[in-house]
Amino acid sequence: MQEIRHILLVEDEKAIREAVAAYLERENYKVTTAVDGQEALDEFDKRHFDLIVLDRMLPRVSGDEVCLTVREIGRAHGSVCDNSFHSLISSR
């Protein structure tokens, strides 16, 4: 049996967050969502994630700040995917 990978998905726009989370869950990933940078940091403190999918333009704490904090903590065993969902969706 293959281990289920755990992804932290950080996106402030509800429709995008729900669509991406649904897609990842259909692909058998465990997904935890956060709506802003502070919530992402709070979730990161609670558990291990294999991947963080992170919007750069977030309220409260920016995606760039989240990325820097995760790197400083040094507990990022997986990868941080710095992404702009807006560009991805509008390019289609």
Protein backbone atom coordinates (compact mmCIF):
# COMPACT_ATOMS: atom_id res chain seq x y z
CA MET A 1 0.00 0.00 0.00
CA GLN A 2 1.36 3.42 -1.01
CA GLU A 3 1.57 6.14 1.61
CA ILE A 4 -0.87 9.03 1.09
CA ARG A 5 0.97 12.32 0.64
CA HIS A 6 -0.21 15.32 2.63
CA ILE A 7 -0.46 18.69 0.88
CA LEU A 8 -1.01 22.11 2.42
CA LEU A 9 -2.98 24.19 -0.09
CA VAL A 10 -2.93 27.93 0.61
CA GLU A 11 -5.33 30.04 -1.47
CA ASP A 12 -7.55 32.92 -0.38
CA GLU A 13 -10.08 32.62 -3.22
CA LYS A 14 -12.68 30.06 -2.19
CA ALA A 15 -13.63 28.79 -5.66
CA ILE A 16 -10.01 28.19 -6.63
CA ARG A 17 -9.15 26.61 -3.27
CA GLU A 18 -12.11 24.22 -3.45
CA ALA A 19 -11.48 23.25 -7.09
CA VAL A 20 -7.78 22.53 -6.56
CA ALA A 21 -8.46 20.66 -3.31
CA ALA A 22 -11.12 18.51 -5.00
CA TYR A 23 -8.75 17.66 -7.84
CA LEU A 24 -5.92 16.71 -5.46
CA GLU A 25 -8.23 14.60 -3.30
CA ARG A 26 -9.46 12.73 -6.40
CA GLU A 27 -5.80 11.94 -7.06
CA ASN A 28 -5.61 10.41 -3.55
CA TYR A 29 -3.75 13.19 -1.79
CA LYS A 30 -4.66 14.26 1.73
CA VAL A 31 -5.28 18.02 1.57
CA THR A 32 -5.34 20.61 4.33
CA THR A 33 -6.38 24.08 3.24
CA ALA A 34 -5.57 27.54 4.55
CA VAL A 35 -7.17 30.82 3.49
CA ASP A 36 -4.29 33.16 4.35
CA GLY A 37 -0.62 33.16 5.22
CA GLN A 38 -1.10 33.18 8.98
CA GLU A 39 -3.41 30.16 8.84
CA ALA A 40 -0.82 28.40 6.66
CA LEU A 41 1.89 29.00 9.26
CA ASP A 42 -0.43 27.79 12.03
CA GLU A 43 -1.13 24.57 10.09
CA PHE A 44 2.57 24.12 9.33
CA ASP A 45 3.33 24.29 13.07
CA LYS A 46 0.78 21.51 13.78
CA ARG A 47 1.80 18.80 11.30
CA HIS A 48 4.15 17.59 8.57
CA PHE A 49 3.37 18.29 4.91
CA ASP A 50 4.99 16.68 1.91
CA LEU A 51 4.18 19.66 -0.30
CA ILE A 52 2.95 23.21 0.17
CA VAL A 53 1.06 24.75 -2.75
CA LEU A 54 1.15 28.43 -2.02
CA ASP A 55 -0.41 31.50 -3.62
CA ARG A 56 1.93 34.49 -3.37
CA MET A 57 -0.74 37.16 -2.92
CA LEU A 58 -2.35 36.31 0.40
CA PRO A 59 -3.98 38.38 3.15
CA ARG A 60 -2.39 38.84 6.59
CA VAL A 61 0.95 37.17 5.74
CA SER A 62 2.12 37.03 2.12
CA GLY A 63 3.04 33.82 0.37
CA ASP A 64 6.63 35.04 0.11
CA GLU A 65 6.78 35.50 3.89
CA VAL A 66 5.28 32.04 4.46
CA CYS A 67 7.90 30.51 2.19
CA LEU A 68 10.75 32.31 3.96
CA THR A 69 9.43 31.30 7.39
CA VAL A 70 9.09 27.65 6.37
CA ARG A 71 12.66 27.65 5.06
CA GLU A 72 13.98 29.36 8.22
CA ILE A 73 12.30 26.79 10.44
CA GLY A 74 14.10 24.12 8.44
CA ARG A 75 11.34 21.57 8.84
CA ALA A 76 10.35 21.54 5.18
CA HIS A 77 11.02 17.92 4.30
CA GLY A 78 9.03 18.28 1.11
CA SER A 79 8.75 21.06 -1.40
CA VAL A 80 7.15 24.46 -1.51
CA CYS A 81 5.36 25.14 -4.77
CA ASP A 82 5.08 28.90 -5.20
CA ASN A 83 2.14 29.34 -7.51
CA SER A 84 -0.21 31.95 -8.81
CA PHE A 85 -3.51 30.24 -9.48
CA HIS A 86 -4.82 33.41 -11.10
CA SER A 87 -2.25 33.20 -13.90
CA LEU A 88 -2.81 29.49 -14.35
CA ILE A 89 -6.56 29.81 -14.68
CA SER A 90 -6.60 32.99 -16.78
CA SER A 91 -4.16 31.48 -19.29
CA ARG A 92 -6.69 28.82 -20.30
